[in-house]
Amino acid sequence: MKIILANPRGFCAGVNMAIESLERALELFGTPLYVYHEIVHNRPVVERFKKLGVVFVDHIEEIPNGATVLYSAHGVSPEIRQASAKRNLRAIDATCPLVTKVHTEAVRFAREGYTILLIGHDGHDEVIGTMGEAPEHIRLVQNEQEAATIDLPADAKLAFLTQTTLSVDDAERIIAVLRRRFPQIVGPTKDDICYATQNRQEAVKELVPEADVVIVLGSQNSSNSLRLAELARAHNKPAYLVDRVHELPSEALTGSETVLITAGASAPEETVQECIAYLQERFGATLESRTIREEHVSFPLPRELRLISVGVRG
């Protein structure tokens, strides 16, 4: 067996910032500490924090008045911020800056009178937060069929935005349909799909022709991880999306394959290394690391944490 290890892979700058924020908040405020939705869409990461006493909630009303809440990397709507204020919560905003950028664009386009077509997946935390910025102005478009059939006047004042974790190719096809139907549509000055999502997809695209099978480390509710597995399958290669290598089906590997390993932007590197070690031990696999693009992006901690000196307790 030969392993091709894709680079870049795993944690992006936004996930690093969110996880570091939660670790710092635990140091400063102790437990109970609440997080609105999963800090990132990764089961091992969430399980680790649960063991440390972090409580993940889906409704602000579940959090006691005056407690500390951290918003996940996927962002929240203004309605959630207002509900937090009413409950006198100490709120720490760990929203990825690239998601915040989409929120800002939604507010700007709405203020300028545009109907906004948000390309994304219904029910995803990021989409819910973005639509909450201007619900009366935003309509969700999930695929090419919806783009082709959405009922709008031909001369409507339109803008589009995208969820940051989409498939680049899928988003481009949907945007192309919208541009054909509505040549006047405008978009953001810079692509909304985040650099990490694009880079991880680019690495899989370039390396998958050399592989017999693809292992994507990541969770089933991680949009960008799902896209990596879909991309591999689009190249007619079997792909397995698993949180840990031991979740692979017994028939997935025979020991003679070339295996491409990558990880979604919310998957920790330790799960990647566990996977490599397992394949080396069981199949005597050799390892080749391949770097398609370098990443040198980092984001500062939320303002609420930067303002607090080290060692302060809430």
Protein backbone atom coordinates (compact mmCIF):
# COMPACT_ATOMS: atom_id res chain seq x y z
CA MET A 1 0.00 0.00 0.00
CA LYS A 2 1.09 3.53 -0.78
CA ILE A 3 -0.31 6.58 1.00
CA ILE A 4 -0.42 9.95 -0.73
CA LEU A 5 -0.93 12.59 1.96
CA ALA A 6 -2.56 15.73 0.60
CA ASN A 7 -1.39 19.19 1.60
CA PRO A 8 -3.09 21.44 2.46
CA ARG A 9 -5.56 19.52 4.60
CA GLY A 10 -7.27 19.79 7.98
CA PHE A 11 -7.74 22.86 10.15
CA CYS A 12 -8.13 26.22 8.44
CA ALA A 13 -7.42 29.58 10.06
CA GLY A 14 -11.06 30.08 11.07
CA VAL A 15 -11.26 26.69 12.79
CA ASN A 16 -7.92 27.26 14.51
CA MET A 17 -9.19 30.60 15.81
CA ALA A 18 -12.51 29.16 17.03
CA ILE A 19 -10.89 26.25 18.86
CA GLU A 20 -8.21 28.46 20.39
CA SER A 21 -10.97 30.86 21.47
CA LEU A 22 -12.84 28.09 23.27
CA GLU A 23 -9.67 26.84 24.95
CA ARG A 24 -8.84 30.37 26.09
CA ALA A 25 -12.40 30.98 27.32
CA LEU A 26 -12.16 27.79 29.39
CA GLU A 27 -8.94 29.08 30.96
CA LEU A 28 -10.45 32.49 31.71
CA PHE A 29 -14.00 31.63 32.78
CA GLY A 30 -13.99 27.93 33.65
CA THR A 31 -17.16 25.88 33.42
CA PRO A 32 -20.03 25.83 32.84
CA LEU A 33 -19.22 27.39 29.48
CA TYR A 34 -21.81 27.32 26.71
CA VAL A 35 -21.34 27.17 22.94
CA TYR A 36 -24.18 28.03 20.57
CA HIS A 37 -24.19 25.12 18.11
CA GLU A 38 -21.09 22.98 17.56
CA ILE A 39 -17.88 25.00 17.77
CA VAL A 40 -16.94 23.40 14.43
CA HIS A 41 -18.57 20.55 12.54
CA ASN A 42 -16.34 17.78 13.80
CA ARG A 43 -17.40 15.04 16.21
CA PRO A 44 -14.00 14.30 17.83
CA VAL A 45 -13.44 18.02 18.50
CA VAL A 46 -16.90 18.43 20.05
CA GLU A 47 -16.48 15.28 22.15
CA ARG A 48 -13.15 16.53 23.49
CA PHE A 49 -14.68 19.79 24.66
CA LYS A 50 -17.70 18.06 26.18
CA LYS A 51 -15.29 16.07 28.36
CA LEU A 52 -13.82 19.38 29.53
CA GLY A 53 -17.25 20.61 30.67
CA VAL A 54 -18.35 22.65 27.65
CA VAL A 55 -22.12 22.57 27.03
CA PHE A 56 -23.28 22.79 23.41
CA VAL A 57 -26.77 24.15 22.89
CA ASP A 58 -29.08 24.66 19.91
CA HIS A 59 -31.22 27.33 21.57
CA ILE A 60 -30.10 30.44 23.45
CA GLU A 61 -32.96 29.84 25.88
CA GLU A 62 -31.09 26.78 27.16
CA ILE A 63 -28.37 29.03 28.60
CA PRO A 64 -28.87 30.44 32.15
CA ASN A 65 -29.07 34.22 32.48
CA GLY A 66 -25.68 35.85 32.95
CA ALA A 67 -23.67 32.85 31.72
CA THR A 68 -20.87 32.87 29.14
CA VAL A 69 -21.62 31.82 25.56
CA LEU A 70 -19.28 31.42 22.63
CA TYR A 71 -20.66 31.68 19.09
CA SER A 72 -19.33 29.00 16.74
CA ALA A 73 -17.15 29.56 13.68
CA HIS A 74 -20.27 29.40 11.46
CA GLY A 75 -21.72 32.67 12.76
CA VAL A 76 -25.12 33.66 14.12
CA SER A 77 -27.97 35.93 13.10
CA PRO A 78 -28.74 39.32 14.69
CA GLU A 79 -31.74 37.66 16.34
CA ILE A 80 -29.41 35.40 18.34
CA ARG A 81 -27.24 38.34 19.39
CA GLN A 82 -30.33 40.19 20.59
CA ALA A 83 -31.56 37.13 22.51
CA SER A 84 -28.14 36.83 24.17
CA ALA A 85 -28.24 40.47 25.22
CA LYS A 86 -31.71 40.03 26.74
CA ARG A 87 -30.40 37.14 28.83
CA ASN A 88 -27.40 39.23 29.88
CA LEU A 89 -24.98 36.66 28.48
CA ARG A 90 -21.27 37.30 28.19
CA ALA A 91 -20.95 36.62 24.46
CA ILE A 92 -17.68 35.71 22.75
CA ASP A 93 -17.91 35.86 18.97
CA ALA A 94 -15.70 33.20 17.35
CA THR A 95 -17.29 33.60 13.91
CA CYS A 96 -14.79 33.03 11.11
CA PRO A 97 -13.91 36.41 9.57
CA LEU A 98 -14.66 34.99 6.12
CA VAL A 99 -18.21 34.21 7.24
CA THR A 100 -18.48 37.68 8.78
CA LYS A 101 -17.52 39.06 5.35
CA VAL A 102 -20.55 37.33 3.79
CA HIS A 103 -22.81 38.72 6.54
CA THR A 104 -21.47 42.22 5.86
CA GLU A 105 -22.10 41.82 2.13
CA ALA A 106 -25.66 40.66 2.79
CA VAL A 107 -26.36 43.75 4.91
CA ARG A 108 -24.84 46.04 2.26
CA PHE A 109 -26.75 44.51 -0.66
CA ALA A 110 -30.01 44.58 1.32
CA ARG A 111 -29.46 48.23 2.25
CA GLU A 112 -28.98 49.02 -1.45
CA GLY A 113 -32.29 47.38 -2.34
CA TYR A 114 -31.08 44.14 -3.91
CA THR A 115 -32.82 40.80 -3.79
CA ILE A 116 -30.02 38.48 -2.68
CA LEU A 117 -29.71 34.93 -3.98
CA LEU A 118 -27.73 33.00 -1.40
CA ILE A 119 -26.13 29.88 -2.87
CA GLY A 120 -25.90 27.30 -0.10
CA HIS A 121 -27.43 24.37 1.74
CA ASP A 122 -30.73 24.68 3.57
CA GLY A 123 -30.37 24.26 7.32
CA HIS A 124 -26.60 24.75 7.46
CA ASP A 125 -25.61 26.91 10.45
CA GLU A 126 -23.78 29.38 8.24
CA VAL A 127 -26.73 29.79 5.88
CA ILE A 128 -29.15 30.31 8.78
CA GLY A 129 -26.92 33.05 10.21
CA THR A 130 -26.45 34.81 6.87
CA MET A 131 -30.16 34.73 5.99
CA GLY A 132 -30.90 36.18 9.42
CA GLU A 133 -29.06 39.38 8.49
CA ALA A 134 -31.74 40.37 5.96
CA PRO A 135 -34.45 37.69 5.81
CA GLU A 136 -36.83 39.79 3.76
CA HIS A 137 -34.17 40.30 1.05
CA ILE A 138 -32.57 36.82 0.78
CA ARG A 139 -33.69 33.75 -1.13
CA LEU A 140 -31.83 30.45 -0.97
CA VAL A 141 -30.62 28.71 -4.13
CA GLN A 142 -29.29 25.18 -3.55
CA ASN A 143 -28.59 23.82 -7.03
CA GLU A 144 -28.68 24.48 -10.76
CA GLN A 145 -32.33 23.45 -11.06
CA GLU A 146 -33.40 26.00 -8.47
CA ALA A 147 -31.26 28.63 -10.20
CA ALA A 148 -32.98 27.81 -13.49
CA THR A 149 -36.52 27.95 -12.11
CA ILE A 150 -36.49 30.61 -9.38
CA ASP A 151 -39.38 32.97 -10.06
CA LEU A 152 -38.11 36.54 -10.36
CA PRO A 153 -38.73 39.38 -12.81
CA ALA A 154 -36.21 39.39 -15.66
CA ASP A 155 -35.12 42.92 -14.73
CA ALA A 156 -34.98 42.36 -10.95
CA LYS A 157 -32.21 44.08 -9.01
CA LEU A 158 -30.24 41.00 -8.01
CA ALA A 159 -27.06 40.07 -6.16
CA PHE A 160 -25.65 36.67 -5.24
CA LEU A 161 -23.62 35.43 -2.30
CA THR A 162 -22.33 31.96 -1.48
CA GLN A 163 -21.85 29.81 1.58
CA THR A 164 -18.10 29.68 2.24
CA THR A 165 -17.80 25.87 2.27
CA LEU A 166 -19.35 24.95 -1.08
CA SER A 167 -17.86 22.95 -3.90
CA VAL A 168 -16.11 25.51 -6.10
CA ASP A 169 -17.27 23.73 -9.27
CA ASP A 170 -20.89 23.44 -8.09
CA ALA A 171 -21.00 27.11 -7.11
CA GLU A 172 -19.56 28.18 -10.46
CA ARG A 173 -22.19 26.17 -12.35
CA ILE A 174 -25.02 27.68 -10.30
CA ILE A 175 -23.63 31.20 -10.76
CA ALA A 176 -23.35 30.58 -14.51
CA VAL A 177 -27.06 29.66 -14.67
CA LEU A 178 -27.98 32.80 -12.74
CA ARG A 179 -25.82 35.00 -14.99
CA ARG A 180 -27.44 33.55 -18.11
CA ARG A 181 -30.93 34.20 -16.75
CA PHE A 182 -30.14 37.53 -15.12
CA PRO A 183 -27.20 39.26 -16.85
CA GLN A 184 -27.58 42.23 -14.51
CA ILE A 185 -26.85 40.18 -11.36
CA VAL A 186 -23.92 41.37 -9.28
CA GLY A 187 -21.76 39.50 -6.80
CA PRO A 188 -19.13 40.16 -4.16
CA THR A 189 -15.90 41.82 -5.24
CA LYS A 190 -14.02 38.74 -4.01
CA ASP A 191 -15.07 35.09 -4.08
CA ASP A 192 -16.99 34.08 -0.93
CA ILE A 193 -15.84 30.45 -0.95
CA CYS A 194 -13.05 30.40 1.58
CA TYR A 195 -9.41 29.93 0.62
CA ALA A 196 -9.14 26.71 2.67
CA THR A 197 -12.16 25.10 1.01
CA GLN A 198 -10.77 25.94 -2.42
CA ASN A 199 -7.24 24.76 -1.60
CA ARG A 200 -8.35 21.41 -0.17
CA GLN A 201 -10.53 20.79 -3.21
CA GLU A 202 -7.67 21.77 -5.52
CA ALA A 203 -5.35 19.28 -3.79
CA VAL A 204 -7.85 16.43 -4.18
CA LYS A 205 -8.46 17.32 -7.83
CA GLU A 206 -4.75 17.24 -8.61
CA LEU A 207 -3.90 14.08 -6.66
CA VAL A 208 -6.98 11.88 -7.07
CA PRO A 209 -5.97 10.56 -10.55
CA GLU A 210 -3.04 8.79 -8.87
CA ALA A 211 -5.19 7.12 -6.21
CA ASP A 212 -7.27 3.95 -6.12
CA VAL A 213 -9.25 5.00 -3.05
CA VAL A 214 -9.67 8.22 -1.05
CA ILE A 215 -10.05 8.63 2.71
CA VAL A 216 -11.46 11.97 3.87
CA LEU A 217 -11.14 12.56 7.61
CA GLY A 218 -14.12 14.63 8.70
CA SER A 219 -17.69 14.50 10.00
CA GLN A 220 -20.87 13.84 8.05
CA ASN A 221 -22.26 17.28 8.97
CA SER A 222 -19.15 19.07 7.68
CA SER A 223 -20.06 20.68 4.37
CA ASN A 224 -16.49 21.13 3.15
CA SER A 225 -15.59 17.53 4.11
CA LEU A 226 -18.59 16.18 2.20
CA ARG A 227 -17.50 18.17 -0.85
CA LEU A 228 -14.05 16.53 -0.77
CA ALA A 229 -15.60 13.05 -0.80
CA GLU A 230 -18.01 14.06 -3.58
CA LEU A 231 -15.12 15.45 -5.61
CA ALA A 232 -13.22 12.17 -5.38
CA ARG A 233 -16.31 10.19 -6.40
CA ALA A 234 -16.83 12.54 -9.34
CA HIS A 235 -13.46 11.23 -10.56
CA ASN A 236 -14.82 7.67 -10.27
CA LYS A 237 -12.78 6.85 -7.20
CA PRO A 238 -14.30 5.25 -4.08
CA ALA A 239 -14.18 7.75 -1.21
CA TYR A 240 -14.85 7.25 2.49
CA LEU A 241 -15.75 10.15 4.80
CA VAL A 242 -15.03 9.07 8.38
CA ASP A 243 -14.21 10.73 11.67
CA ARG A 244 -11.62 8.08 12.50
CA VAL A 245 -9.90 5.37 10.51
CA HIS A 246 -11.54 2.60 12.55
CA GLU A 247 -14.90 3.64 11.06
CA LEU A 248 -13.81 2.46 7.60
CA PRO A 249 -15.83 -0.49 6.29
CA SER A 250 -13.88 -3.74 6.59
CA GLU A 251 -13.98 -4.21 2.82
CA ALA A 252 -12.70 -0.70 2.02
CA LEU A 253 -9.03 -1.68 1.69
CA THR A 254 -7.16 -4.80 0.60
CA GLY A 255 -3.60 -3.59 1.20
CA SER A 256 -2.43 -3.15 -2.38
CA GLU A 257 -4.00 0.25 -3.13
CA THR A 258 -2.66 3.74 -3.51
CA VAL A 259 -4.66 5.64 -0.88
CA LEU A 260 -5.12 9.41 -0.97
CA ILE A 261 -5.67 10.85 2.51
CA THR A 262 -7.04 14.31 3.11
CA ALA A 263 -9.03 16.03 5.86
CA GLY A 264 -11.79 18.61 5.97
CA ALA A 265 -11.12 22.07 7.35
CA SER A 266 -12.60 21.15 10.73
CA ALA A 267 -10.82 17.80 11.16
CA PRO A 268 -7.91 17.65 13.65
CA GLU A 269 -4.48 16.52 12.48
CA GLU A 270 -4.36 13.84 15.18
CA THR A 271 -7.06 11.87 13.33
CA VAL A 272 -4.97 12.06 10.16
CA GLN A 273 -1.88 10.77 11.96
CA GLU A 274 -3.92 7.98 13.58
CA CYS A 275 -5.09 6.95 10.11
CA ILE A 276 -1.56 6.90 8.71
CA ALA A 277 -0.23 4.91 11.68
CA TYR A 278 -3.04 2.36 11.34
CA LEU A 279 -2.42 1.81 7.62
CA GLN A 280 1.32 1.55 8.16
CA GLU A 281 0.89 -0.96 10.96
CA ARG A 282 -1.75 -3.09 9.25
CA PHE A 283 -0.61 -2.94 5.62
CA GLY A 284 3.02 -1.79 5.83
CA ALA A 285 2.03 1.31 3.88
CA THR A 286 4.63 3.74 2.59
CA LEU A 287 3.99 7.46 2.91
CA GLU A 288 4.47 10.26 0.40
CA SER A 289 3.48 13.80 1.38
CA ARG A 290 2.47 16.05 -1.52
CA THR A 291 2.03 19.81 -1.19
CA ILE A 292 -0.15 21.47 -3.81
CA ARG A 293 -0.33 24.92 -2.24
CA GLU A 294 1.15 26.63 0.83
CA GLU A 295 -1.12 28.31 3.40
CA HIS A 296 0.00 31.12 5.68
CA VAL A 297 -3.29 32.52 6.98
CA SER A 298 -4.14 33.24 10.62
CA PHE A 299 -6.90 35.15 12.38
CA PRO A 300 -6.70 36.93 15.76
CA LEU A 301 -8.75 35.83 18.74
CA PRO A 302 -12.13 37.56 19.22
CA ARG A 303 -11.96 41.06 20.64
CA GLU A 304 -13.73 39.90 23.81
CA LEU A 305 -10.80 37.61 24.62
CA ARG A 306 -8.02 39.93 23.49
CA LEU A 307 -9.26 42.59 25.95
CA ILE A 308 -8.99 40.29 28.95
CA SER A 309 -5.59 39.90 30.52
CA VAL A 310 -4.22 36.40 31.05
CA GLY A 311 -5.31 34.80 34.32
CA VAL A 312 -8.50 36.83 34.81
CA ARG A 313 -11.47 34.74 35.92
CA GLY A 314 -15.09 35.60 35.22
